């Protein structure tokens, strides 16, 4: 896994309280077509100042490792 501590809002682009495939889709849309108004800070999971496929992979990692128990 990724040894980066993220606060609970990191990766939650649609504000529903968790990181889901919807958030990943929004990240991919932004990577393909960057637009103003996108919350880069929330989507930038590795804190390199950019939203890249690495952030997408990290978001998927969060989804796969989170359980709704």
PDB file of N, CA and C in Angstrom:
ATOM      1  N   UNK A   1       0.811  -1.200   0.000  1.00  0.00           N
ATOM      2  CA  UNK A   1       0.000   0.000   0.000  1.00  0.00           C
ATOM      3  C   UNK A   1       0.848   1.254   0.000  1.00  0.00           C
ATOM      4  N   UNK A   2       0.162   2.356   0.051  1.00  0.00           N
ATOM      5  CA  UNK A   2       0.830   3.656   0.048  1.00  0.00           C
ATOM      6  C   UNK A   2       1.001   4.128   1.484  1.00  0.00           C
ATOM      7  N   UNK A   3       2.215   4.505   1.835  1.00  0.00           N
ATOM      8  CA  UNK A   3       2.471   4.944   3.206  1.00  0.00           C
ATOM      9  C   UNK A   3       2.326   6.444   3.346  1.00  0.00           C
ATOM     10  N   UNK A   4       1.227   6.975   2.810  1.00  0.00           N
ATOM     11  CA  UNK A   4       0.980   8.402   2.905  1.00  0.00           C
ATOM     12  C   UNK A   4      -0.311   8.589   3.698  1.00  0.00           C
ATOM     13  N   UNK A   5      -0.231   9.413   4.714  1.00  0.00           N
ATOM     14  CA  UNK A   5      -1.407   9.662   5.537  1.00  0.00           C
ATOM     15  C   UNK A   5      -2.267  10.711   4.843  1.00  0.00           C
ATOM     16  N   UNK A   6      -3.510  10.359   4.602  1.00  0.00           N
ATOM     17  CA  UNK A   6      -4.423  11.326   4.004  1.00  0.00           C
ATOM     18  C   UNK A   6      -5.565  11.587   4.981  1.00  0.00           C
ATOM     19  N   UNK A   7      -6.002  12.840   5.023  1.00  0.00           N
ATOM     20  CA  UNK A   7      -7.150  13.106   5.885  1.00  0.00           C
ATOM     21  C   UNK A   7      -8.395  12.570   5.196  1.00  0.00           C
ATOM     22  N   UNK A   8      -9.482  12.523   5.922  1.00  0.00           N
ATOM     23  CA  UNK A   8     -10.666  11.823   5.432  1.00  0.00           C
ATOM     24  C   UNK A   8     -11.251  12.451   4.172  1.00  0.00           C
ATOM     25  N   UNK A   9     -10.979  13.728   3.931  1.00  0.00           N
ATOM     26  CA  UNK A   9     -11.560  14.363   2.749  1.00  0.00           C
ATOM     27  C   UNK A   9     -10.692  14.170   1.509  1.00  0.00           C
ATOM     28  N   UNK A  10      -9.446  13.698   1.699  1.00  0.00           N
ATOM     29  CA  UNK A  10      -8.571  13.491   0.544  1.00  0.00           C
ATOM     30  C   UNK A  10      -9.180  12.454  -0.387  1.00  0.00           C
ATOM     31  N   UNK A  11      -9.352  12.822  -1.641  1.00  0.00           N
ATOM     32  CA  UNK A  11      -9.891  11.900  -2.618  1.00  0.00           C
ATOM     33  C   UNK A  11     -11.401  11.934  -2.735  1.00  0.00           C
ATOM     34  N   UNK A  12     -12.073  12.585  -1.775  1.00  0.00           N
ATOM     35  CA  UNK A  12     -13.538  12.645  -1.799  1.00  0.00           C
ATOM     36  C   UNK A  12     -13.968  13.879  -2.589  1.00  0.00           C
ATOM     37  N   UNK A  13     -13.998  13.741  -3.909  1.00  0.00           N
ATOM     38  CA  UNK A  13     -14.239  14.898  -4.775  1.00  0.00           C
ATOM     39  C   UNK A  13     -15.696  15.319  -4.833  1.00  0.00           C
ATOM     40  N   UNK A  14     -16.619  14.376  -4.659  1.00  0.00           N
ATOM     41  CA  UNK A  14     -18.023  14.766  -4.744  1.00  0.00           C
ATOM     42  C   UNK A  14     -18.632  15.023  -3.367  1.00  0.00           C
ATOM     43  N   UNK A  15     -17.802  14.965  -2.320  1.00  0.00           N
ATOM     44  CA  UNK A  15     -18.248  15.365  -0.985  1.00  0.00           C
ATOM     45  C   UNK A  15     -19.253  14.453  -0.337  1.00  0.00           C
ATOM     46  N   UNK A  16     -19.234  13.156  -0.688  1.00  0.00           N
ATOM     47  CA  UNK A  16     -20.203  12.240  -0.070  1.00  0.00           C
ATOM     48  C   UNK A  16     -19.649  11.549   1.164  1.00  0.00           C
ATOM     49  N   UNK A  17     -18.428  11.943   1.576  1.00  0.00           N
ATOM     50  CA  UNK A  17     -17.884  11.423   2.815  1.00  0.00           C
ATOM     51  C   UNK A  17     -16.997  10.210   2.655  1.00  0.00           C
ATOM     52  N   UNK A  18     -16.853   9.719   1.437  1.00  0.00           N
ATOM     53  CA  UNK A  18     -15.950   8.591   1.219  1.00  0.00           C
ATOM     54  C   UNK A  18     -15.383   8.640  -0.194  1.00  0.00           C
ATOM     55  N   UNK A  19     -14.297   7.901  -0.391  1.00  0.00           N
ATOM     56  CA  UNK A  19     -13.680   7.814  -1.708  1.00  0.00           C
ATOM     57  C   UNK A  19     -14.330   6.651  -2.444  1.00  0.00           C
ATOM     58  N   UNK A  20     -14.898   6.946  -3.599  1.00  0.00           N
ATOM     59  CA  UNK A  20     -15.609   5.926  -4.381  1.00  0.00           C
ATOM     60  C   UNK A  20     -15.146   5.971  -5.829  1.00  0.00           C
ATOM     61  N   UNK A  21     -15.656   5.035  -6.633  1.00  0.00           N
ATOM     62  CA  UNK A  21     -15.307   5.008  -8.052  1.00  0.00           C
ATOM     63  C   UNK A  21     -15.774   6.286  -8.751  1.00  0.00           C
ATOM     64  N   UNK A  22     -16.798   6.937  -8.210  1.00  0.00           N
ATOM     65  CA  UNK A  22     -17.245   8.214  -8.770  1.00  0.00           C
ATOM     66  C   UNK A  22     -16.132   9.243  -8.677  1.00  0.00           C
ATOM     67  N   UNK A  23     -15.459   9.293  -7.526  1.00  0.00           N
ATOM     68  CA  UNK A  23     -14.350  10.232  -7.339  1.00  0.00           C
ATOM     69  C   UNK A  23     -13.211   9.907  -8.307  1.00  0.00           C
ATOM     70  N   UNK A  24     -12.943   8.609  -8.493  1.00  0.00           N
ATOM     71  CA  UNK A  24     -11.893   8.186  -9.426  1.00  0.00           C
ATOM     72  C   UNK A  24     -12.250   8.648 -10.838  1.00  0.00           C
ATOM     73  N   UNK A  25     -13.516   8.507 -11.199  1.00  0.00           N
ATOM     74  CA  UNK A  25     -13.968   8.955 -12.516  1.00  0.00           C
ATOM     75  C   UNK A  25     -13.756  10.444 -12.707  1.00  0.00           C
ATOM     76  N   UNK A  26     -14.039  11.219 -11.670  1.00  0.00           N
ATOM     77  CA  UNK A  26     -13.835  12.670 -11.736  1.00  0.00           C
ATOM     78  C   UNK A  26     -12.354  13.002 -11.913  1.00  0.00           C
ATOM     79  N   UNK A  27     -11.499  12.255 -11.239  1.00  0.00           N
ATOM     80  CA  UNK A  27     -10.055  12.465 -11.368  1.00  0.00           C
ATOM     81  C   UNK A  27      -9.589  12.168 -12.790  1.00  0.00           C
ATOM     82  N   UNK A  28     -10.081  11.057 -13.351  1.00  0.00           N
ATOM     83  CA  UNK A  28      -9.693  10.682 -14.713  1.00  0.00           C
ATOM     84  C   UNK A  28     -10.202  11.719 -15.710  1.00  0.00           C
ATOM     85  N   UNK A  29     -11.435  12.191 -15.507  1.00  0.00           N
ATOM     86  CA  UNK A  29     -11.975  13.237 -16.380  1.00  0.00           C
ATOM     87  C   UNK A  29     -11.085  14.463 -16.353  1.00  0.00           C
ATOM     88  N   UNK A  30     -10.624  14.838 -15.145  1.00  0.00           N
ATOM     89  CA  UNK A  30      -9.773  16.018 -15.018  1.00  0.00           C
ATOM     90  C   UNK A  30      -8.419  15.809 -15.699  1.00  0.00           C
ATOM     91  N   UNK A  31      -7.852  14.617 -15.528  1.00  0.00           N
ATOM     92  CA  UNK A  31      -6.558  14.324 -16.164  1.00  0.00           C
ATOM     93  C   UNK A  31      -6.692  14.436 -17.687  1.00  0.00           C
ATOM     94  N   UNK A  32      -7.790  13.923 -18.212  1.00  0.00           N
ATOM     95  CA  UNK A  32      -8.021  13.964 -19.662  1.00  0.00           C
ATOM     96  C   UNK A  32      -8.376  15.358 -20.153  1.00  0.00           C
ATOM     97  N   UNK A  33      -9.030  16.147 -19.307  1.00  0.00           N
ATOM     98  CA  UNK A  33      -9.515  17.464 -19.720  1.00  0.00           C
ATOM     99  C   UNK A  33      -9.497  18.410 -18.525  1.00  0.00           C
ATOM    100  N   UNK A  34      -8.313  18.938 -18.166  1.00  0.00           N
ATOM    101  CA  UNK A  34      -8.205  19.817 -16.994  1.00  0.00           C
ATOM    102  C   UNK A  34      -9.137  21.017 -17.114  1.00  0.00           C
ATOM    103  N   UNK A  35      -9.795  21.339 -16.019  1.00  0.00           N
ATOM    104  CA  UNK A  35     -10.729  22.464 -16.026  1.00  0.00           C
ATOM    105  C   UNK A  35     -10.589  23.277 -14.747  1.00  0.00           C
ATOM    106  N   UNK A  36     -10.888  24.541 -14.855  1.00  0.00           N
ATOM    107  CA  UNK A  36     -10.894  25.405 -13.682  1.00  0.00           C
ATOM    108  C   UNK A  36     -12.010  24.959 -12.753  1.00  0.00           C
ATOM    109  N   UNK A  37     -11.833  25.178 -11.475  1.00  0.00           N
ATOM    110  CA  UNK A  37     -12.865  24.827 -10.515  1.00  0.00           C
ATOM    111  C   UNK A  37     -12.733  23.413  -9.982  1.00  0.00           C
ATOM    112  N   UNK A  38     -11.814  22.630 -10.542  1.00  0.00           N
ATOM    113  CA  UNK A  38     -11.590  21.277 -10.028  1.00  0.00           C
ATOM    114  C   UNK A  38     -10.772  21.367  -8.757  1.00  0.00           C
ATOM    115  N   UNK A  39     -11.125  20.588  -7.755  1.00  0.00           N
ATOM    116  CA  UNK A  39     -10.427  20.650  -6.471  1.00  0.00           C
ATOM    117  C   UNK A  39      -9.150  19.812  -6.521  1.00  0.00           C
ATOM    118  N   UNK A  40      -8.105  20.420  -7.076  1.00  0.00           N
ATOM    119  CA  UNK A  40      -6.826  19.720  -7.216  1.00  0.00           C
ATOM    120  C   UNK A  40      -6.287  19.292  -5.858  1.00  0.00           C
ATOM    121  N   UNK A  41      -6.445  20.147  -4.855  1.00  0.00           N
ATOM    122  CA  UNK A  41      -5.903  19.835  -3.522  1.00  0.00           C
ATOM    123  C   UNK A  41      -6.508  18.548  -2.962  1.00  0.00           C
ATOM    124  N   UNK A  42      -7.789  18.356  -3.164  1.00  0.00           N
ATOM    125  CA  UNK A  42      -8.458  17.155  -2.668  1.00  0.00           C
ATOM    126  C   UNK A  42      -8.049  15.923  -3.466  1.00  0.00           C
ATOM    127  N   UNK A  43      -7.837  16.098  -4.760  1.00  0.00           N
ATOM    128  CA  UNK A  43      -7.532  14.963  -5.633  1.00  0.00           C
ATOM    129  C   UNK A  43      -6.054  14.599  -5.631  1.00  0.00           C
ATOM    130  N   UNK A  44      -5.204  15.504  -5.158  1.00  0.00           N
ATOM    131  CA  UNK A  44      -3.747  15.295  -5.198  1.00  0.00           C
ATOM    132  C   UNK A  44      -3.304  14.474  -3.994  1.00  0.00           C
ATOM    133  N   UNK A  45      -3.478  13.154  -4.098  1.00  0.00           N
ATOM    134  CA  UNK A  45      -3.261  12.285  -2.944  1.00  0.00           C
ATOM    135  C   UNK A  45      -1.796  12.131  -2.557  1.00  0.00           C
ATOM    136  N   UNK A  46      -0.890  12.301  -3.507  1.00  0.00           N
ATOM    137  CA  UNK A  46       0.527  12.175  -3.142  1.00  0.00           C
ATOM    138  C   UNK A  46       1.190  13.534  -2.952  1.00  0.00           C
ATOM    139  N   UNK A  47       0.388  14.582  -2.963  1.00  0.00           N
ATOM    140  CA  UNK A  47       0.842  15.936  -2.621  1.00  0.00           C
ATOM    141  C   UNK A  47       2.016  16.414  -3.469  1.00  0.00           C
ATOM    142  N   UNK A  48       1.958  16.139  -4.785  1.00  0.00           N
ATOM    143  CA  UNK A  48       3.011  16.640  -5.665  1.00  0.00           C
ATOM    144  C   UNK A  48       2.558  17.860  -6.455  1.00  0.00           C
ATOM    145  N   UNK A  49       1.359  18.349  -6.143  1.00  0.00           N
ATOM    146  CA  UNK A  49       0.863  19.555  -6.789  1.00  0.00           C
ATOM    147  C   UNK A  49       0.130  19.316  -8.096  1.00  0.00           C
ATOM    148  N   UNK A  50       0.039  18.047  -8.489  1.00  0.00           N
ATOM    149  CA  UNK A  50      -0.629  17.705  -9.738  1.00  0.00           C
ATOM    150  C   UNK A  50      -1.569  16.523  -9.515  1.00  0.00           C
ATOM    151  N   UNK A  51      -2.555  16.415 -10.392  1.00  0.00           N
ATOM    152  CA  UNK A  51      -3.422  15.239 -10.376  1.00  0.00           C
ATOM    153  C   UNK A  51      -2.971  14.353 -11.532  1.00  0.00           C
ATOM    154  N   UNK A  52      -2.496  13.162 -11.181  1.00  0.00           N
ATOM    155  CA  UNK A  52      -1.958  12.243 -12.189  1.00  0.00           C
ATOM    156  C   UNK A  52      -2.522  10.846 -11.970  1.00  0.00           C
ATOM    157  N   UNK A  53      -2.126   9.923 -12.831  1.00  0.00           N
ATOM    158  CA  UNK A  53      -2.577   8.538 -12.672  1.00  0.00           C
ATOM    159  C   UNK A  53      -2.107   7.925 -11.356  1.00  0.00           C
ATOM    160  N   UNK A  54      -1.028   8.457 -10.795  1.00  0.00           N
ATOM    161  CA  UNK A  54      -0.585   7.975  -9.481  1.00  0.00           C
ATOM    162  C   UNK A  54      -1.668   8.248  -8.438  1.00  0.00           C
ATOM    163  N   UNK A  55      -2.266   9.444  -8.507  1.00  0.00           N
ATOM    164  CA  UNK A  55      -3.352   9.769  -7.575  1.00  0.00           C
ATOM    165  C   UNK A  55      -4.558   8.857  -7.799  1.00  0.00           C
ATOM    166  N   UNK A  56      -4.838   8.549  -9.067  1.00  0.00           N
ATOM    167  CA  UNK A  56      -5.928   7.626  -9.386  1.00  0.00           C
ATOM    168  C   UNK A  56      -5.655   6.260  -8.766  1.00  0.00           C
ATOM    169  N   UNK A  57      -4.415   5.759  -8.929  1.00  0.00           N
ATOM    170  CA  UNK A  57      -4.050   4.465  -8.355  1.00  0.00           C
ATOM    171  C   UNK A  57      -4.196   4.480  -6.830  1.00  0.00           C
ATOM    172  N   UNK A  58      -3.792   5.593  -6.210  1.00  0.00           N
ATOM    173  CA  UNK A  58      -3.910   5.706  -4.752  1.00  0.00           C
ATOM    174  C   UNK A  58      -5.370   5.713  -4.327  1.00  0.00           C
ATOM    175  N   UNK A  59      -6.208   6.396  -5.094  1.00  0.00           N
ATOM    176  CA  UNK A  59      -7.639   6.432  -4.773  1.00  0.00           C
ATOM    177  C   UNK A  59      -8.237   5.035  -4.891  1.00  0.00           C
ATOM    178  N   UNK A  60      -7.845   4.312  -5.929  1.00  0.00           N
ATOM    179  CA  UNK A  60      -8.322   2.932  -6.069  1.00  0.00           C
ATOM    180  C   UNK A  60      -7.849   2.074  -4.902  1.00  0.00           C
ATOM    181  N   UNK A  61      -6.623   2.315  -4.456  1.00  0.00           N
ATOM    182  CA  UNK A  61      -6.073   1.597  -3.309  1.00  0.00           C
ATOM    183  C   UNK A  61      -6.915   1.869  -2.061  1.00  0.00           C
ATOM    184  N   UNK A  62      -7.294   3.137  -1.874  1.00  0.00           N
ATOM    185  CA  UNK A  62      -8.132   3.511  -0.728  1.00  0.00           C
ATOM    186  C   UNK A  62      -9.470   2.765  -0.808  1.00  0.00           C
ATOM    187  N   UNK A  63     -10.056   2.747  -2.006  1.00  0.00           N
ATOM    188  CA  UNK A  63     -11.362   2.076  -2.192  1.00  0.00           C
ATOM    189  C   UNK A  63     -11.240   0.593  -1.873  1.00  0.00           C
ATOM    190  N   UNK A  64     -10.194  -0.042  -2.414  1.00  0.00           N
ATOM    191  CA  UNK A  64     -10.043  -1.481  -2.227  1.00  0.00           C
ATOM    192  C   UNK A  64      -9.745  -1.849  -0.784  1.00  0.00           C
ATOM    193  N   UNK A  65      -9.099  -0.932  -0.046  1.00  0.00           N
ATOM    194  CA  UNK A  65      -8.723  -1.225   1.336  1.00  0.00           C
ATOM    195  C   UNK A  65      -9.717  -0.724   2.359  1.00  0.00           C
ATOM    196  N   UNK A  66     -10.762  -0.038   1.894  1.00  0.00           N
ATOM    197  CA  UNK A  66     -11.762   0.443   2.854  1.00  0.00           C
ATOM    198  C   UNK A  66     -12.901  -0.556   2.889  1.00  0.00           C
ATOM    199  N   UNK A  67     -13.396  -0.767   4.081  1.00  0.00           N
ATOM    200  CA  UNK A  67     -14.532  -1.676   4.216  1.00  0.00           C
ATOM    201  C   UNK A  67     -15.669  -0.922   4.870  1.00  0.00           C
ATOM    202  N   UNK A  68     -16.864  -1.243   4.474  1.00  0.00           N
ATOM    203  CA  UNK A  68     -18.044  -0.564   5.040  1.00  0.00           C
ATOM    204  C   UNK A  68     -18.626  -1.382   6.181  1.00  0.00           C
ATOM    205  N   UNK A  69     -17.755  -1.826   7.070  1.00  0.00           N
ATOM    206  CA  UNK A  69     -18.235  -2.658   8.180  1.00  0.00           C
ATOM    207  C   UNK A  69     -18.732  -1.788   9.316  1.00  0.00           C
TER     208      UNK A  69
END
